[in-house]
Amino acid sequence: MFSIRTIALVAAAYALVGCAGMSEQACLVSDWRTVGFEDGTYGRPVGTIGNYRQACSKHGVTPDLERYRAGHAEGVQVYCRPTQGFDVGRRGGVYQGVCPANLEGEFVVAYNSGRRLYELESTLQRIDSQIASNYRTQENIKQELTGIAGSMIGSDTSPEQRVLLVARAADLGERYGAITAETDRLREQRVVHELELREYQETLAFGF
């Protein structure tokens, strides 16, 4: 099993192998067991080595598949814990089926619990975001209506312009009312979803 010191070095190793592709130096110096362990602890599938193989082939280097697989197998032992599954689900992460059969059952149950919590929280956040957006839109409408009122009494505003301003004000008033109705519906929905979230959180209080 990896030592604490080795685990501490994993991040540095992955900095060499990650993201946009591997440099020649990274391909030459990477400890493929460590790279596999890193990918395993992050829940990346063992097939990820294919990306490294493609990148390193440009530099004439072939990753050590056996060492990578050995490290990956140890890494998923760290990843495939129920508490980790719950955290992955709650973050909205995707489980990529990396856990061995003896660990997958409890992991998936915990993952689904976290995922459900994520979905409930996300729903509330979307509602809050839309309500806030509606308020901002209504403030903009108020400002435009204030400007229209000023223009209506302006001495340099022609009768034709006043007709257009009245029509615009009517449209804005109608839109303001529609947004108010939508916001009221959203606030009602929020009460329901917040209650659902609270009730669900109570079911998680013991296990997590």
C-alpha atoms as a PDB file:
ATOM      1  CA  MET A   1       0.000   0.000   0.000  1.00  0.00           C
ATOM      2  CA  PHE A   2       1.178   3.576  -0.580  1.00  0.00           C
ATOM      3  CA  SER A   3       2.883   5.424   2.239  1.00  0.00           C
ATOM      4  CA  ILE A   4       1.724   8.827   3.423  1.00  0.00           C
ATOM      5  CA  ARG A   5       4.795  10.373   1.796  1.00  0.00           C
ATOM      6  CA  THR A   6       3.928   8.758  -1.530  1.00  0.00           C
ATOM      7  CA  ILE A   7       0.364  10.003  -1.336  1.00  0.00           C
ATOM      8  CA  ALA A   8       1.663  13.504  -0.641  1.00  0.00           C
ATOM      9  CA  LEU A   9       3.722  13.323  -3.837  1.00  0.00           C
ATOM     10  CA  VAL A  10       0.780  12.234  -5.956  1.00  0.00           C
ATOM     11  CA  ALA A  11      -0.457  15.759  -6.611  1.00  0.00           C
ATOM     12  CA  ALA A  12       2.934  16.780  -7.947  1.00  0.00           C
ATOM     13  CA  ALA A  13       3.029  13.741 -10.192  1.00  0.00           C
ATOM     14  CA  TYR A  14      -0.401  14.454 -11.557  1.00  0.00           C
ATOM     15  CA  ALA A  15       0.575  18.043 -12.298  1.00  0.00           C
ATOM     16  CA  LEU A  16       2.995  16.557 -14.788  1.00  0.00           C
ATOM     17  CA  VAL A  17       0.477  14.226 -16.399  1.00  0.00           C
ATOM     18  CA  GLY A  18      -2.780  16.123 -16.268  1.00  0.00           C
ATOM     19  CA  CYS A  19      -5.047  18.341 -18.271  1.00  0.00           C
ATOM     20  CA  ALA A  20      -3.811  19.282 -21.723  1.00  0.00           C
ATOM     21  CA  GLY A  21      -1.508  16.292 -22.228  1.00  0.00           C
ATOM     22  CA  MET A  22       1.847  15.020 -21.043  1.00  0.00           C
ATOM     23  CA  SER A  23       5.156  16.634 -21.831  1.00  0.00           C
ATOM     24  CA  GLU A  24       8.139  14.540 -22.851  1.00  0.00           C
ATOM     25  CA  GLN A  25       9.628  14.997 -19.383  1.00  0.00           C
ATOM     26  CA  ALA A  26       6.414  13.856 -17.705  1.00  0.00           C
ATOM     27  CA  CYS A  27       6.258  10.768 -19.920  1.00  0.00           C
ATOM     28  CA  LEU A  28       9.854   9.902 -19.080  1.00  0.00           C
ATOM     29  CA  VAL A  29       9.813  10.461 -15.320  1.00  0.00           C
ATOM     30  CA  SER A  30       6.258   9.586 -14.255  1.00  0.00           C
ATOM     31  CA  ASP A  31       5.839   6.688 -11.854  1.00  0.00           C
ATOM     32  CA  TRP A  32       2.932   4.922 -13.534  1.00  0.00           C
ATOM     33  CA  ARG A  33       1.908   3.197 -10.332  1.00  0.00           C
ATOM     34  CA  THR A  34       1.549   6.590  -8.693  1.00  0.00           C
ATOM     35  CA  VAL A  35      -0.341   7.956 -11.687  1.00  0.00           C
ATOM     36  CA  GLY A  36      -2.726   4.996 -11.524  1.00  0.00           C
ATOM     37  CA  PHE A  37      -3.197   5.488  -7.800  1.00  0.00           C
ATOM     38  CA  GLU A  38      -4.025   9.155  -8.346  1.00  0.00           C
ATOM     39  CA  ASP A  39      -6.598   8.357 -11.011  1.00  0.00           C
ATOM     40  CA  GLY A  40      -8.114   5.657  -8.835  1.00  0.00           C
ATOM     41  CA  THR A  41      -8.510   7.966  -5.845  1.00  0.00           C
ATOM     42  CA  TYR A  42     -10.323  10.455  -8.083  1.00  0.00           C
ATOM     43  CA  GLY A  43     -12.664   7.805  -9.467  1.00  0.00           C
ATOM     44  CA  ARG A  44     -11.258   7.979 -12.982  1.00  0.00           C
ATOM     45  CA  PRO A  45     -11.617   4.755 -14.993  1.00  0.00           C
ATOM     46  CA  VAL A  46      -8.595   2.581 -15.671  1.00  0.00           C
ATOM     47  CA  GLY A  47      -9.062   3.378 -19.355  1.00  0.00           C
ATOM     48  CA  THR A  48      -7.689   6.852 -18.612  1.00  0.00           C
ATOM     49  CA  ILE A  49      -4.255   5.413 -19.334  1.00  0.00           C
ATOM     50  CA  GLY A  50      -5.243   5.492 -22.992  1.00  0.00           C
ATOM     51  CA  ASN A  51      -4.954   9.277 -22.885  1.00  0.00           C
ATOM     52  CA  TYR A  52      -1.451   8.997 -21.494  1.00  0.00           C
ATOM     53  CA  ARG A  53      -0.517   6.368 -24.050  1.00  0.00           C
ATOM     54  CA  GLN A  54      -1.615   8.636 -26.884  1.00  0.00           C
ATOM     55  CA  ALA A  55       0.239  11.651 -25.474  1.00  0.00           C
ATOM     56  CA  CYS A  56       3.430   9.751 -24.696  1.00  0.00           C
ATOM     57  CA  SER A  57       3.554   7.979 -28.041  1.00  0.00           C
ATOM     58  CA  LYS A  58       4.556  11.325 -29.529  1.00  0.00           C
ATOM     59  CA  HIS A  59       7.688  11.154 -27.394  1.00  0.00           C
ATOM     60  CA  GLY A  60       8.434   7.504 -28.018  1.00  0.00           C
ATOM     61  CA  VAL A  61       7.357   6.451 -24.527  1.00  0.00           C
ATOM     62  CA  THR A  62       4.913   3.664 -23.626  1.00  0.00           C
ATOM     63  CA  PRO A  63       3.229   3.854 -20.179  1.00  0.00           C
ATOM     64  CA  ASP A  64       3.683   0.833 -17.929  1.00  0.00           C
ATOM     65  CA  LEU A  65       0.165  -0.617 -18.001  1.00  0.00           C
ATOM     66  CA  GLU A  66       0.729  -3.192 -15.275  1.00  0.00           C
ATOM     67  CA  ARG A  67       2.131  -0.661 -12.817  1.00  0.00           C
ATOM     68  CA  TYR A  68      -0.681   1.748 -13.681  1.00  0.00           C
ATOM     69  CA  ARG A  69      -3.326  -0.922 -13.081  1.00  0.00           C
ATOM     70  CA  ALA A  70      -1.740  -1.921  -9.786  1.00  0.00           C
ATOM     71  CA  GLY A  71      -1.753   1.666  -8.568  1.00  0.00           C
ATOM     72  CA  HIS A  72      -5.276   2.222  -9.861  1.00  0.00           C
ATOM     73  CA  ALA A  73      -6.539  -0.835  -7.982  1.00  0.00           C
ATOM     74  CA  GLU A  74      -5.147   0.590  -4.747  1.00  0.00           C
ATOM     75  CA  GLY A  75      -6.496   4.041  -5.512  1.00  0.00           C
ATOM     76  CA  VAL A  76     -10.075   2.867  -5.942  1.00  0.00           C
ATOM     77  CA  GLN A  77      -9.888   1.277  -2.498  1.00  0.00           C
ATOM     78  CA  VAL A  78      -9.526   4.832  -1.184  1.00  0.00           C
ATOM     79  CA  TYR A  79     -12.200   6.225  -3.509  1.00  0.00           C
ATOM     80  CA  CYS A  80     -14.835   3.511  -3.097  1.00  0.00           C
ATOM     81  CA  ARG A  81     -15.890   4.339   0.446  1.00  0.00           C
ATOM     82  CA  PRO A  82     -19.504   5.204   1.297  1.00  0.00           C
ATOM     83  CA  THR A  83     -18.570   8.613   2.706  1.00  0.00           C
ATOM     84  CA  GLN A  84     -16.692   9.403  -0.492  1.00  0.00           C
ATOM     85  CA  GLY A  85     -19.620   8.190  -2.570  1.00  0.00           C
ATOM     86  CA  PHE A  86     -21.936  10.524  -0.696  1.00  0.00           C
ATOM     87  CA  ASP A  87     -19.546  13.455  -1.209  1.00  0.00           C
ATOM     88  CA  VAL A  88     -19.203  12.758  -4.928  1.00  0.00           C
ATOM     89  CA  GLY A  89     -22.982  12.645  -5.318  1.00  0.00           C
ATOM     90  CA  ARG A  90     -23.535  15.784  -3.278  1.00  0.00           C
ATOM     91  CA  ARG A  91     -21.045  17.686  -5.446  1.00  0.00           C
ATOM     92  CA  GLY A  92     -22.958  16.596  -8.520  1.00  0.00           C
ATOM     93  CA  GLY A  93     -20.073  14.390  -9.622  1.00  0.00           C
ATOM     94  CA  VAL A  94     -20.454  11.426 -11.936  1.00  0.00           C
ATOM     95  CA  TYR A  95     -19.698   7.892 -10.806  1.00  0.00           C
ATOM     96  CA  GLN A  96     -17.837   6.124 -13.618  1.00  0.00           C
ATOM     97  CA  GLY A  97     -18.265   2.545 -12.426  1.00  0.00           C
ATOM     98  CA  VAL A  98     -14.739   2.092 -11.088  1.00  0.00           C
ATOM     99  CA  CYS A  99     -15.535   0.335  -7.812  1.00  0.00           C
ATOM    100  CA  PRO A 100     -15.002  -3.421  -7.480  1.00  0.00           C
ATOM    101  CA  ALA A 101     -18.074  -5.543  -6.829  1.00  0.00           C
ATOM    102  CA  ASN A 102     -17.371  -5.968  -3.110  1.00  0.00           C
ATOM    103  CA  LEU A 103     -17.350  -2.187  -2.569  1.00  0.00           C
ATOM    104  CA  GLU A 104     -19.745  -0.927  -5.213  1.00  0.00           C
ATOM    105  CA  GLY A 105     -23.021  -1.686  -3.454  1.00  0.00           C
ATOM    106  CA  GLU A 106     -22.526   0.522  -0.411  1.00  0.00           C
ATOM    107  CA  PHE A 107     -20.742   3.156  -2.492  1.00  0.00           C
ATOM    108  CA  VAL A 108     -23.636   3.476  -4.946  1.00  0.00           C
ATOM    109  CA  VAL A 109     -26.247   3.656  -2.175  1.00  0.00           C
ATOM    110  CA  ALA A 110     -24.310   6.499  -0.551  1.00  0.00           C
ATOM    111  CA  TYR A 111     -23.675   8.140  -3.926  1.00  0.00           C
ATOM    112  CA  ASN A 112     -27.382   8.116  -4.761  1.00  0.00           C
ATOM    113  CA  SER A 113     -28.173   9.655  -1.369  1.00  0.00           C
ATOM    114  CA  GLY A 114     -25.684  12.442  -1.982  1.00  0.00           C
ATOM    115  CA  ARG A 115     -26.922  12.907  -5.519  1.00  0.00           C
ATOM    116  CA  ARG A 116     -30.498  13.299  -4.310  1.00  0.00           C
ATOM    117  CA  LEU A 117     -29.366  15.940  -1.845  1.00  0.00           C
ATOM    118  CA  TYR A 118     -27.490  17.721  -4.635  1.00  0.00           C
ATOM    119  CA  GLU A 119     -30.594  17.722  -6.828  1.00  0.00           C
ATOM    120  CA  LEU A 120     -32.807  19.111  -4.052  1.00  0.00           C
ATOM    121  CA  GLU A 121     -30.307  21.829  -3.174  1.00  0.00           C
ATOM    122  CA  SER A 122     -29.785  22.677  -6.843  1.00  0.00           C
ATOM    123  CA  THR A 123     -33.514  23.062  -7.361  1.00  0.00           C
ATOM    124  CA  LEU A 124     -33.701  25.589  -4.537  1.00  0.00           C
ATOM    125  CA  GLN A 125     -30.694  27.442  -5.900  1.00  0.00           C
ATOM    126  CA  ARG A 126     -32.270  27.651  -9.353  1.00  0.00           C
ATOM    127  CA  ILE A 127     -35.498  28.991  -7.887  1.00  0.00           C
ATOM    128  CA  ASP A 128     -33.624  31.575  -5.809  1.00  0.00           C
ATOM    129  CA  SER A 129     -31.586  32.591  -8.838  1.00  0.00           C
ATOM    130  CA  GLN A 130     -34.710  33.072 -10.946  1.00  0.00           C
ATOM    131  CA  ILE A 131     -36.449  35.070  -8.216  1.00  0.00           C
ATOM    132  CA  ALA A 132     -33.402  37.334  -7.914  1.00  0.00           C
ATOM    133  CA  SER A 133     -33.302  37.719 -11.699  1.00  0.00           C
ATOM    134  CA  ASN A 134     -36.989  38.653 -11.714  1.00  0.00           C
ATOM    135  CA  TYR A 135     -36.402  41.335  -9.086  1.00  0.00           C
ATOM    136  CA  ARG A 136     -33.546  42.798 -11.124  1.00  0.00           C
ATOM    137  CA  THR A 137     -35.708  42.855 -14.240  1.00  0.00           C
ATOM    138  CA  GLN A 138     -38.490  44.612 -12.374  1.00  0.00           C
ATOM    139  CA  GLU A 139     -36.066  47.229 -11.080  1.00  0.00           C
ATOM    140  CA  ASN A 140     -34.980  47.882 -14.651  1.00  0.00           C
ATOM    141  CA  ILE A 141     -38.616  48.223 -15.687  1.00  0.00           C
ATOM    142  CA  LYS A 142     -39.235  50.731 -12.887  1.00  0.00           C
ATOM    143  CA  GLN A 143     -36.273  52.791 -14.029  1.00  0.00           C
ATOM    144  CA  GLU A 144     -37.463  52.773 -17.616  1.00  0.00           C
ATOM    145  CA  LEU A 145     -40.979  53.754 -16.553  1.00  0.00           C
ATOM    146  CA  THR A 146     -39.535  56.632 -14.562  1.00  0.00           C
ATOM    147  CA  GLY A 147     -37.690  57.766 -17.663  1.00  0.00           C
ATOM    148  CA  ILE A 148     -40.863  57.490 -19.720  1.00  0.00           C
ATOM    149  CA  ALA A 149     -42.772  59.586 -17.193  1.00  0.00           C
ATOM    150  CA  GLY A 150     -40.131  62.278 -17.452  1.00  0.00           C
ATOM    151  CA  SER A 151     -40.241  62.232 -21.219  1.00  0.00           C
ATOM    152  CA  MET A 152     -44.027  62.428 -21.256  1.00  0.00           C
ATOM    153  CA  ILE A 153     -44.014  65.801 -19.522  1.00  0.00           C
ATOM    154  CA  GLY A 154     -41.047  67.105 -21.464  1.00  0.00           C
ATOM    155  CA  SER A 155     -41.803  70.142 -23.581  1.00  0.00           C
ATOM    156  CA  ASP A 156     -39.768  68.825 -26.489  1.00  0.00           C
ATOM    157  CA  THR A 157     -41.729  65.569 -26.732  1.00  0.00           C
ATOM    158  CA  SER A 158     -44.044  65.486 -29.741  1.00  0.00           C
ATOM    159  CA  PRO A 159     -47.584  64.059 -29.650  1.00  0.00           C
ATOM    160  CA  GLU A 160     -46.460  61.172 -31.816  1.00  0.00           C
ATOM    161  CA  GLN A 161     -43.649  60.376 -29.396  1.00  0.00           C
ATOM    162  CA  ARG A 162     -46.068  60.508 -26.473  1.00  0.00           C
ATOM    163  CA  VAL A 163     -48.250  57.916 -28.177  1.00  0.00           C
ATOM    164  CA  LEU A 164     -45.261  55.619 -28.532  1.00  0.00           C
ATOM    165  CA  LEU A 165     -44.239  56.240 -24.934  1.00  0.00           C
ATOM    166  CA  VAL A 166     -47.713  55.374 -23.692  1.00  0.00           C
ATOM    167  CA  ALA A 167     -47.661  52.137 -25.660  1.00  0.00           C
ATOM    168  CA  ARG A 168     -44.211  51.286 -24.318  1.00  0.00           C
ATOM    169  CA  ALA A 169     -45.313  52.021 -20.762  1.00  0.00           C
ATOM    170  CA  ALA A 170     -48.335  49.745 -21.217  1.00  0.00           C
ATOM    171  CA  ASP A 171     -46.104  46.935 -22.474  1.00  0.00           C
ATOM    172  CA  LEU A 172     -43.725  47.381 -19.552  1.00  0.00           C
ATOM    173  CA  GLY A 173     -46.600  47.409 -17.077  1.00  0.00           C
ATOM    174  CA  GLU A 174     -47.942  44.177 -18.518  1.00  0.00           C
ATOM    175  CA  ARG A 175     -44.516  42.576 -18.352  1.00  0.00           C
ATOM    176  CA  TYR A 176     -44.037  43.749 -14.777  1.00  0.00           C
ATOM    177  CA  GLY A 177     -47.320  42.126 -13.792  1.00  0.00           C
ATOM    178  CA  ALA A 178     -46.413  38.860 -15.518  1.00  0.00           C
ATOM    179  CA  ILE A 179     -43.083  38.755 -13.704  1.00  0.00           C
ATOM    180  CA  THR A 180     -44.815  39.403 -10.397  1.00  0.00           C
ATOM    181  CA  ALA A 181     -47.153  36.469 -11.027  1.00  0.00           C
ATOM    182  CA  GLU A 182     -44.221  34.244 -11.967  1.00  0.00           C
ATOM    183  CA  THR A 183     -42.301  35.266  -8.851  1.00  0.00           C
ATOM    184  CA  ASP A 184     -45.309  34.466  -6.676  1.00  0.00           C
ATOM    185  CA  ARG A 185     -45.472  30.986  -8.209  1.00  0.00           C
ATOM    186  CA  LEU A 186     -41.750  30.499  -7.675  1.00  0.00           C
ATOM    187  CA  ARG A 187     -42.018  31.524  -4.039  1.00  0.00           C
ATOM    188  CA  GLU A 188     -44.792  28.966  -3.535  1.00  0.00           C
ATOM    189  CA  GLN A 189     -42.657  26.305  -5.204  1.00  0.00           C
ATOM    190  CA  ARG A 190     -39.732  27.283  -3.020  1.00  0.00           C
ATOM    191  CA  VAL A 191     -41.726  26.600   0.136  1.00  0.00           C
ATOM    192  CA  VAL A 192     -42.567  23.108  -1.116  1.00  0.00           C
ATOM    193  CA  HIS A 193     -39.012  22.306  -2.243  1.00  0.00           C
ATOM    194  CA  GLU A 194     -37.457  23.696   0.920  1.00  0.00           C
ATOM    195  CA  LEU A 195     -39.713  21.476   3.018  1.00  0.00           C
ATOM    196  CA  GLU A 196     -38.779  18.483   0.871  1.00  0.00           C
ATOM    197  CA  LEU A 197     -35.101  19.305   1.325  1.00  0.00           C
ATOM    198  CA  ARG A 198     -35.398  19.675   5.097  1.00  0.00           C
ATOM    199  CA  GLU A 199     -37.268  16.382   5.412  1.00  0.00           C
ATOM    200  CA  TYR A 200     -34.645  14.636   3.311  1.00  0.00           C
ATOM    201  CA  GLN A 201     -31.791  16.138   5.328  1.00  0.00           C
ATOM    202  CA  GLU A 202     -33.375  14.716   8.470  1.00  0.00           C
ATOM    203  CA  THR A 203     -33.206  11.224   6.997  1.00  0.00           C
ATOM    204  CA  LEU A 204     -29.463  11.716   6.459  1.00  0.00           C
ATOM    205  CA  ALA A 205     -28.711  13.028   9.931  1.00  0.00           C
ATOM    206  CA  PHE A 206     -27.789   9.623  11.347  1.00  0.00           C
ATOM    207  CA  GLY A 207     -25.674   8.244   8.526  1.00  0.00           C
ATOM    208  CA  PHE A 208     -23.895  11.377   7.422  1.00  0.00           C
END
